[in-house]
Amino acid sequence: MKRTMIAAAIAATALVSAPAMADLDLAKKSGCLACHSVDAKVVGPSWKDIAAKGESREVIIESIAKGSKGKWTAQTGGVPMPPYSPRVSDENIAILADFIIGLK
């Protein structure tokens, strides 16, 4: 499983622009790549799928900060997303949300 996540992370780097690489690095440091990738479901949905759902920036920020459950049951089998606040700063959570939204 770990090799699959690493391979997905490496593949994801080819799909984002150079400025977004810093955001992808932040996602990696924050632990996001354990369950997500840019374009493929890992444990949670891909960030492109999240962006395509069209949720507002505020909703995505809240999901990252407080965690979520039930939004992606079909894709995750009901595995909840844990809260990332305060482990990840509010500023970095906003950066991650903007990165996800930018993948539309």
N, C-alpha and C. Protein backbone atom coordinates (compact mmCIF):
# COMPACT_ATOMS: atom_id res chain seq x y z
N MET A 1 0.83 -1.19 0.00
CA MET A 1 0.00 0.00 0.00
C MET A 1 0.87 1.25 0.00
N LYS A 2 1.94 1.25 0.79
CA LYS A 2 2.82 2.41 0.86
C LYS A 2 3.45 2.71 -0.51
N ARG A 3 3.86 1.69 -1.22
CA ARG A 3 4.43 1.89 -2.56
C ARG A 3 3.41 2.50 -3.50
N THR A 4 2.15 2.08 -3.38
CA THR A 4 1.09 2.62 -4.22
C THR A 4 0.91 4.11 -3.95
N MET A 5 0.93 4.49 -2.68
CA MET A 5 0.77 5.91 -2.33
C MET A 5 1.95 6.73 -2.84
N ILE A 6 3.15 6.19 -2.73
CA ILE A 6 4.33 6.90 -3.21
C ILE A 6 4.26 7.04 -4.73
N ALA A 7 3.87 5.99 -5.41
CA ALA A 7 3.75 6.04 -6.87
C ALA A 7 2.69 7.06 -7.29
N ALA A 8 1.58 7.11 -6.56
CA ALA A 8 0.53 8.09 -6.87
C ALA A 8 1.04 9.50 -6.65
N ALA A 9 1.81 9.71 -5.59
CA ALA A 9 2.36 11.04 -5.31
C ALA A 9 3.33 11.46 -6.40
N ILE A 10 4.16 10.54 -6.85
CA ILE A 10 5.12 10.85 -7.92
C ILE A 10 4.37 11.16 -9.21
N ALA A 11 3.36 10.37 -9.53
CA ALA A 11 2.56 10.61 -10.74
C ALA A 11 1.85 11.95 -10.65
N ALA A 12 1.41 12.31 -9.47
CA ALA A 12 0.69 13.57 -9.29
C ALA A 12 1.58 14.76 -9.59
N THR A 13 2.86 14.66 -9.32
CA THR A 13 3.75 15.79 -9.55
C THR A 13 3.84 16.15 -11.03
N ALA A 14 3.60 15.19 -11.90
CA ALA A 14 3.64 15.45 -13.33
C ALA A 14 2.38 16.17 -13.81
N LEU A 15 1.35 16.20 -12.96
CA LEU A 15 0.07 16.75 -13.37
C LEU A 15 -0.16 18.18 -12.90
N VAL A 16 0.76 18.74 -12.15
CA VAL A 16 0.55 20.08 -11.62
C VAL A 16 1.63 21.02 -12.11
N SER A 17 1.30 22.30 -12.17
CA SER A 17 2.25 23.30 -12.63
C SER A 17 3.33 23.53 -11.59
N ALA A 18 4.39 24.19 -12.00
CA ALA A 18 5.49 24.48 -11.08
C ALA A 18 5.04 25.27 -9.85
N PRO A 19 4.20 26.33 -9.99
CA PRO A 19 3.76 27.03 -8.79
C PRO A 19 2.97 26.14 -7.84
N ALA A 20 2.21 25.20 -8.38
CA ALA A 20 1.42 24.31 -7.53
C ALA A 20 2.27 23.27 -6.82
N MET A 21 3.51 23.09 -7.25
CA MET A 21 4.39 22.13 -6.59
C MET A 21 4.57 22.47 -5.12
N ALA A 22 4.66 23.75 -4.79
CA ALA A 22 4.80 24.15 -3.39
C ALA A 22 3.56 23.71 -2.60
N ASP A 23 2.38 23.83 -3.22
CA ASP A 23 1.15 23.40 -2.56
C ASP A 23 1.12 21.89 -2.40
N LEU A 24 1.62 21.17 -3.40
CA LEU A 24 1.70 19.72 -3.30
C LEU A 24 2.69 19.31 -2.22
N ASP A 25 3.78 20.04 -2.10
CA ASP A 25 4.74 19.78 -1.02
C ASP A 25 4.09 20.01 0.34
N LEU A 26 3.30 21.07 0.45
CA LEU A 26 2.57 21.34 1.69
C LEU A 26 1.61 20.20 2.00
N ALA A 27 0.91 19.72 0.99
CA ALA A 27 0.00 18.59 1.18
C ALA A 27 0.74 17.36 1.67
N LYS A 28 1.92 17.13 1.12
CA LYS A 28 2.73 15.99 1.54
C LYS A 28 3.15 16.15 2.99
N LYS A 29 3.66 17.33 3.36
CA LYS A 29 4.10 17.59 4.74
C LYS A 29 2.93 17.50 5.72
N SER A 30 1.74 17.84 5.26
CA SER A 30 0.56 17.85 6.13
C SER A 30 -0.07 16.47 6.30
N GLY A 31 0.38 15.51 5.52
CA GLY A 31 -0.13 14.15 5.62
C GLY A 31 -1.28 13.83 4.68
N CYS A 32 -1.61 14.76 3.80
CA CYS A 32 -2.76 14.59 2.90
C CYS A 32 -2.56 13.43 1.92
N LEU A 33 -1.32 13.20 1.49
CA LEU A 33 -1.07 12.18 0.47
C LEU A 33 -1.21 10.76 1.01
N ALA A 34 -1.44 10.63 2.31
CA ALA A 34 -1.70 9.30 2.85
C ALA A 34 -3.05 8.78 2.37
N CYS A 35 -3.98 9.71 2.08
CA CYS A 35 -5.33 9.30 1.68
C CYS A 35 -5.81 9.89 0.36
N HIS A 36 -5.11 10.90 -0.17
CA HIS A 36 -5.56 11.58 -1.38
C HIS A 36 -4.43 11.69 -2.40
N SER A 37 -4.83 11.90 -3.66
CA SER A 37 -3.89 12.26 -4.71
C SER A 37 -4.60 13.24 -5.63
N VAL A 38 -3.87 13.79 -6.57
CA VAL A 38 -4.45 14.78 -7.47
C VAL A 38 -5.55 14.18 -8.32
N ASP A 39 -5.28 13.03 -8.94
CA ASP A 39 -6.24 12.54 -9.93
C ASP A 39 -6.72 11.11 -9.76
N ALA A 40 -6.41 10.49 -8.64
CA ALA A 40 -6.86 9.11 -8.43
C ALA A 40 -7.31 8.91 -6.99
N LYS A 41 -8.34 8.12 -6.81
CA LYS A 41 -8.80 7.78 -5.47
C LYS A 41 -7.71 6.95 -4.79
N VAL A 42 -7.41 7.28 -3.57
CA VAL A 42 -6.51 6.46 -2.75
C VAL A 42 -7.42 5.86 -1.67
N VAL A 43 -7.47 6.44 -0.50
CA VAL A 43 -8.48 6.09 0.49
C VAL A 43 -9.65 7.04 0.31
N GLY A 44 -9.32 8.33 0.19
CA GLY A 44 -10.33 9.35 -0.06
C GLY A 44 -10.39 9.68 -1.54
N PRO A 45 -11.33 10.52 -1.91
CA PRO A 45 -11.47 10.89 -3.32
C PRO A 45 -10.28 11.71 -3.82
N SER A 46 -10.11 11.72 -5.12
CA SER A 46 -9.04 12.55 -5.70
C SER A 46 -9.40 14.01 -5.51
N TRP A 47 -8.39 14.86 -5.49
CA TRP A 47 -8.64 16.30 -5.35
C TRP A 47 -9.36 16.85 -6.58
N LYS A 48 -9.12 16.27 -7.74
CA LYS A 48 -9.86 16.71 -8.94
C LYS A 48 -11.34 16.39 -8.80
N ASP A 49 -11.68 15.25 -8.21
CA ASP A 49 -13.08 14.91 -7.97
C ASP A 49 -13.71 15.88 -6.97
N ILE A 50 -12.95 16.24 -5.95
CA ILE A 50 -13.44 17.20 -4.95
C ILE A 50 -13.68 18.55 -5.62
N ALA A 51 -12.73 18.99 -6.44
CA ALA A 51 -12.88 20.27 -7.14
C ALA A 51 -14.10 20.24 -8.06
N ALA A 52 -14.29 19.13 -8.75
CA ALA A 52 -15.40 19.01 -9.70
C ALA A 52 -16.76 19.02 -8.99
N LYS A 53 -16.79 18.64 -7.74
CA LYS A 53 -18.04 18.64 -6.98
C LYS A 53 -18.56 20.07 -6.80
N GLY A 54 -17.64 21.04 -6.85
CA GLY A 54 -18.05 22.43 -6.83
C GLY A 54 -18.39 23.01 -5.47
N GLU A 55 -17.91 22.38 -4.42
CA GLU A 55 -18.16 22.94 -3.09
C GLU A 55 -17.41 24.26 -2.93
N SER A 56 -17.94 25.11 -2.07
CA SER A 56 -17.31 26.41 -1.84
C SER A 56 -15.99 26.25 -1.10
N ARG A 57 -15.19 27.29 -1.20
CA ARG A 57 -13.90 27.32 -0.49
C ARG A 57 -14.12 27.10 1.00
N GLU A 58 -15.14 27.74 1.55
CA GLU A 58 -15.42 27.64 2.98
C GLU A 58 -15.77 26.21 3.38
N VAL A 59 -16.52 25.52 2.55
CA VAL A 59 -16.90 24.13 2.85
C VAL A 59 -15.67 23.23 2.82
N ILE A 60 -14.80 23.43 1.84
CA ILE A 60 -13.59 22.62 1.74
C ILE A 60 -12.67 22.92 2.93
N ILE A 61 -12.53 24.19 3.29
CA ILE A 61 -11.71 24.54 4.45
C ILE A 61 -12.26 23.86 5.70
N GLU A 62 -13.57 23.91 5.89
CA GLU A 62 -14.18 23.28 7.06
C GLU A 62 -13.96 21.77 7.07
N SER A 63 -14.07 21.14 5.91
CA SER A 63 -13.84 19.69 5.82
C SER A 63 -12.42 19.32 6.20
N ILE A 64 -11.46 20.13 5.76
CA ILE A 64 -10.06 19.86 6.11
C ILE A 64 -9.84 20.11 7.60
N ALA A 65 -10.32 21.24 8.08
CA ALA A 65 -10.09 21.62 9.47
C ALA A 65 -10.78 20.69 10.46
N LYS A 66 -12.06 20.41 10.22
CA LYS A 66 -12.87 19.66 11.19
C LYS A 66 -13.05 18.19 10.84
N GLY A 67 -12.61 17.81 9.64
CA GLY A 67 -12.85 16.45 9.18
C GLY A 67 -14.24 16.36 8.56
N SER A 68 -14.53 15.23 7.97
CA SER A 68 -15.85 15.04 7.39
C SER A 68 -16.17 13.55 7.34
N LYS A 69 -17.45 13.28 7.24
CA LYS A 69 -17.91 11.90 7.15
C LYS A 69 -19.19 11.88 6.34
N GLY A 70 -19.27 10.95 5.41
CA GLY A 70 -20.50 10.75 4.67
C GLY A 70 -20.59 11.48 3.34
N LYS A 71 -19.68 12.40 3.05
CA LYS A 71 -19.75 13.13 1.78
C LYS A 71 -19.36 12.26 0.60
N TRP A 72 -18.47 11.31 0.83
CA TRP A 72 -17.90 10.50 -0.23
C TRP A 72 -18.04 9.00 0.08
N THR A 73 -19.13 8.61 0.72
CA THR A 73 -19.30 7.24 1.17
C THR A 73 -19.12 6.22 0.05
N ALA A 74 -19.65 6.52 -1.12
CA ALA A 74 -19.53 5.58 -2.24
C ALA A 74 -18.07 5.35 -2.63
N GLN A 75 -17.24 6.39 -2.55
CA GLN A 75 -15.85 6.27 -2.93
C GLN A 75 -14.97 5.74 -1.80
N THR A 76 -15.32 6.05 -0.55
CA THR A 76 -14.45 5.71 0.57
C THR A 76 -14.92 4.52 1.37
N GLY A 77 -16.12 4.06 1.09
CA GLY A 77 -16.66 2.97 1.89
C GLY A 77 -17.01 3.43 3.31
N GLY A 78 -17.19 4.71 3.48
CA GLY A 78 -17.57 5.25 4.78
C GLY A 78 -16.41 5.64 5.68
N VAL A 79 -15.19 5.58 5.17
CA VAL A 79 -14.03 5.98 5.97
C VAL A 79 -14.08 7.49 6.16
N PRO A 80 -14.11 7.97 7.41
CA PRO A 80 -14.17 9.41 7.63
C PRO A 80 -12.82 10.08 7.44
N MET A 81 -12.86 11.37 7.12
CA MET A 81 -11.63 12.16 7.06
C MET A 81 -11.41 12.77 8.44
N PRO A 82 -10.25 12.56 9.01
CA PRO A 82 -9.99 13.13 10.34
C PRO A 82 -9.77 14.64 10.27
N PRO A 83 -9.97 15.33 11.37
CA PRO A 83 -9.70 16.77 11.39
C PRO A 83 -8.20 17.05 11.34
N TYR A 84 -7.84 18.11 10.64
CA TYR A 84 -6.42 18.47 10.53
C TYR A 84 -6.06 19.73 11.31
N SER A 85 -7.06 20.39 11.89
CA SER A 85 -6.80 21.54 12.74
C SER A 85 -6.78 21.06 14.18
N PRO A 86 -5.86 21.46 14.98
CA PRO A 86 -4.86 22.51 14.82
C PRO A 86 -3.51 22.01 14.32
N ARG A 87 -3.41 20.72 13.99
CA ARG A 87 -2.13 20.17 13.53
C ARG A 87 -1.61 20.91 12.30
N VAL A 88 -2.53 21.31 11.41
CA VAL A 88 -2.19 22.12 10.25
C VAL A 88 -2.78 23.50 10.51
N SER A 89 -2.00 24.53 10.30
CA SER A 89 -2.46 25.89 10.60
C SER A 89 -3.63 26.29 9.70
N ASP A 90 -4.43 27.25 10.19
CA ASP A 90 -5.55 27.75 9.39
C ASP A 90 -5.06 28.31 8.06
N GLU A 91 -3.93 28.99 8.08
CA GLU A 91 -3.35 29.55 6.85
C GLU A 91 -3.03 28.44 5.85
N ASN A 92 -2.41 27.37 6.32
CA ASN A 92 -2.06 26.28 5.41
C ASN A 92 -3.29 25.51 4.95
N ILE A 93 -4.30 25.40 5.80
CA ILE A 93 -5.55 24.76 5.38
C ILE A 93 -6.18 25.55 4.24
N ALA A 94 -6.16 26.87 4.34
CA ALA A 94 -6.70 27.72 3.27
C ALA A 94 -5.90 27.54 1.98
N ILE A 95 -4.59 27.44 2.08
CA ILE A 95 -3.74 27.20 0.90
C ILE A 95 -4.10 25.87 0.25
N LEU A 96 -4.28 24.84 1.08
CA LEU A 96 -4.64 23.53 0.54
C LEU A 96 -6.01 23.56 -0.13
N ALA A 97 -6.95 24.26 0.46
CA ALA A 97 -8.28 24.38 -0.16
C ALA A 97 -8.19 25.08 -1.51
N ASP A 98 -7.42 26.16 -1.57
CA ASP A 98 -7.25 26.88 -2.84
C ASP A 98 -6.59 26.00 -3.90
N PHE A 99 -5.63 25.19 -3.48
CA PHE A 99 -4.96 24.27 -4.39
C PHE A 99 -5.98 23.28 -4.97
N ILE A 100 -6.82 22.72 -4.10
CA ILE A 100 -7.84 21.77 -4.56
C ILE A 100 -8.81 22.44 -5.53
N ILE A 101 -9.31 23.60 -5.16
CA ILE A 101 -10.26 24.33 -6.03
C ILE A 101 -9.63 24.64 -7.37
N GLY A 102 -8.33 24.95 -7.38
CA GLY A 102 -7.63 25.27 -8.62
C GLY A 102 -7.48 24.11 -9.58
N LEU A 103 -7.82 22.93 -9.16
CA LEU A 103 -7.69 21.75 -10.02
C LEU A 103 -8.91 21.53 -10.92
N LYS A 104 -9.90 22.41 -10.85
CA LYS A 104 -11.10 22.28 -11.70
C LYS A 104 -10.72 22.26 -13.15
